[in-house]
Amino acid sequence: MKYAIIVKPGTSQEKIVESGDHELTVYLRAKPHDGEANTALIKLLAKYFDVPKTAIKITHGHKSRTKTIEI
């Protein structure tokens, strides 16, 4: 299953907001430095979807705030 993700790093809280069908906006505390935000994103999505972290892959947008993930 693929999802379009908009990441908002450096916020005061971590949360996931559904913005449409297979679209999510994710707010992260982690800064986009040395992949910290991507690691935090995968961890938060794994908890949200109740799957292991290894089941989530960023397929597009590794260095962008707009990403595509596959579960």
C-alpha atoms as a PDB file:
ATOM      1  CA  MET A   1       0.000   0.000   0.000  1.00  0.00           C
ATOM      2  CA  LYS A   2       1.398   3.434  -0.952  1.00  0.00           C
ATOM      3  CA  TYR A   3       0.867   6.712   0.883  1.00  0.00           C
ATOM      4  CA  ALA A   4       1.708  10.309  -0.001  1.00  0.00           C
ATOM      5  CA  ILE A   5       3.286  11.981   3.023  1.00  0.00           C
ATOM      6  CA  ILE A   6       3.903  15.635   3.798  1.00  0.00           C
ATOM      7  CA  VAL A   7       6.461  15.950   6.590  1.00  0.00           C
ATOM      8  CA  LYS A   8       6.628  18.969   8.898  1.00  0.00           C
ATOM      9  CA  PRO A   9       9.879  18.576  10.871  1.00  0.00           C
ATOM     10  CA  GLY A  10      10.921  20.592  13.914  1.00  0.00           C
ATOM     11  CA  THR A  11       7.443  20.979  15.446  1.00  0.00           C
ATOM     12  CA  SER A  12       6.634  20.915  19.149  1.00  0.00           C
ATOM     13  CA  GLN A  13       4.618  17.684  18.988  1.00  0.00           C
ATOM     14  CA  GLU A  14       4.491  14.481  16.980  1.00  0.00           C
ATOM     15  CA  LYS A  15       1.209  13.620  15.310  1.00  0.00           C
ATOM     16  CA  ILE A  16      -0.279  12.217  12.124  1.00  0.00           C
ATOM     17  CA  VAL A  17      -3.205  13.909  10.391  1.00  0.00           C
ATOM     18  CA  GLU A  18      -5.081  12.195   7.575  1.00  0.00           C
ATOM     19  CA  SER A  19      -5.487  14.689   4.734  1.00  0.00           C
ATOM     20  CA  GLY A  20      -7.260  12.465   2.246  1.00  0.00           C
ATOM     21  CA  ASP A  21      -7.351   9.000   0.777  1.00  0.00           C
ATOM     22  CA  HIS A  22      -3.800   7.592   1.173  1.00  0.00           C
ATOM     23  CA  GLU A  23      -2.477  11.050   2.102  1.00  0.00           C
ATOM     24  CA  LEU A  24      -1.018  11.942   5.494  1.00  0.00           C
ATOM     25  CA  THR A  25       0.538  15.012   7.060  1.00  0.00           C
ATOM     26  CA  VAL A  26       3.105  14.058   9.693  1.00  0.00           C
ATOM     27  CA  TYR A  27       4.415  16.492  12.306  1.00  0.00           C
ATOM     28  CA  LEU A  28       7.798  15.515  13.782  1.00  0.00           C
ATOM     29  CA  ARG A  29       9.995  16.897  16.566  1.00  0.00           C
ATOM     30  CA  ALA A  30      13.142  15.707  14.782  1.00  0.00           C
ATOM     31  CA  LYS A  31      15.069  18.119  12.598  1.00  0.00           C
ATOM     32  CA  PRO A  32      15.853  17.270   8.965  1.00  0.00           C
ATOM     33  CA  HIS A  33      19.531  16.703   9.682  1.00  0.00           C
ATOM     34  CA  ASP A  34      21.519  13.515   8.900  1.00  0.00           C
ATOM     35  CA  GLY A  35      18.325  11.530   8.251  1.00  0.00           C
ATOM     36  CA  GLU A  36      16.936  12.080  11.765  1.00  0.00           C
ATOM     37  CA  ALA A  37      13.525  13.140  10.446  1.00  0.00           C
ATOM     38  CA  ASN A  38      13.287  10.094   8.144  1.00  0.00           C
ATOM     39  CA  THR A  39      14.142   7.759  11.030  1.00  0.00           C
ATOM     40  CA  ALA A  40      11.547   9.445  13.264  1.00  0.00           C
ATOM     41  CA  LEU A  41       8.997   9.288  10.426  1.00  0.00           C
ATOM     42  CA  ILE A  42       9.428   5.544   9.977  1.00  0.00           C
ATOM     43  CA  LYS A  43       9.211   4.955  13.732  1.00  0.00           C
ATOM     44  CA  LEU A  44       6.013   7.018  14.073  1.00  0.00           C
ATOM     45  CA  LEU A  45       4.365   5.428  11.015  1.00  0.00           C
ATOM     46  CA  ALA A  46       5.221   1.931  12.263  1.00  0.00           C
ATOM     47  CA  LYS A  47       3.455   2.713  15.526  1.00  0.00           C
ATOM     48  CA  TYR A  48       0.486   4.317  13.704  1.00  0.00           C
ATOM     49  CA  PHE A  49      -0.042   1.371  11.323  1.00  0.00           C
ATOM     50  CA  ASP A  50       0.977  -1.243  13.937  1.00  0.00           C
ATOM     51  CA  VAL A  51       3.623  -2.827  11.715  1.00  0.00           C
ATOM     52  CA  PRO A  52       7.372  -3.383  12.224  1.00  0.00           C
ATOM     53  CA  LYS A  53       9.694  -0.555  11.160  1.00  0.00           C
ATOM     54  CA  THR A  54      11.213  -2.829   8.507  1.00  0.00           C
ATOM     55  CA  ALA A  55       7.826  -3.028   6.736  1.00  0.00           C
ATOM     56  CA  ILE A  56       7.916   0.691   5.857  1.00  0.00           C
ATOM     57  CA  LYS A  57      10.057   2.014   3.005  1.00  0.00           C
ATOM     58  CA  ILE A  58      10.471   5.541   1.703  1.00  0.00           C
ATOM     59  CA  THR A  59      10.245   5.059  -2.056  1.00  0.00           C
ATOM     60  CA  HIS A  60      10.455   8.688  -3.149  1.00  0.00           C
ATOM     61  CA  GLY A  61      11.545  11.958  -1.542  1.00  0.00           C
ATOM     62  CA  HIS A  62      14.338  10.971   0.838  1.00  0.00           C
ATOM     63  CA  LYS A  63      15.538  14.583   1.000  1.00  0.00           C
ATOM     64  CA  SER A  64      12.190  16.268   0.464  1.00  0.00           C
ATOM     65  CA  ARG A  65       9.271  17.156   2.736  1.00  0.00           C
ATOM     66  CA  THR A  66       6.950  15.444   0.270  1.00  0.00           C
ATOM     67  CA  LYS A  67       7.525  11.694   0.358  1.00  0.00           C
ATOM     68  CA  THR A  68       5.987   8.492  -0.899  1.00  0.00           C
ATOM     69  CA  ILE A  69       6.084   5.500   1.417  1.00  0.00           C
ATOM     70  CA  GLU A  70       5.202   1.894   0.840  1.00  0.00           C
ATOM     71  CA  ILE A  71       3.972  -0.504   3.498  1.00  0.00           C
END
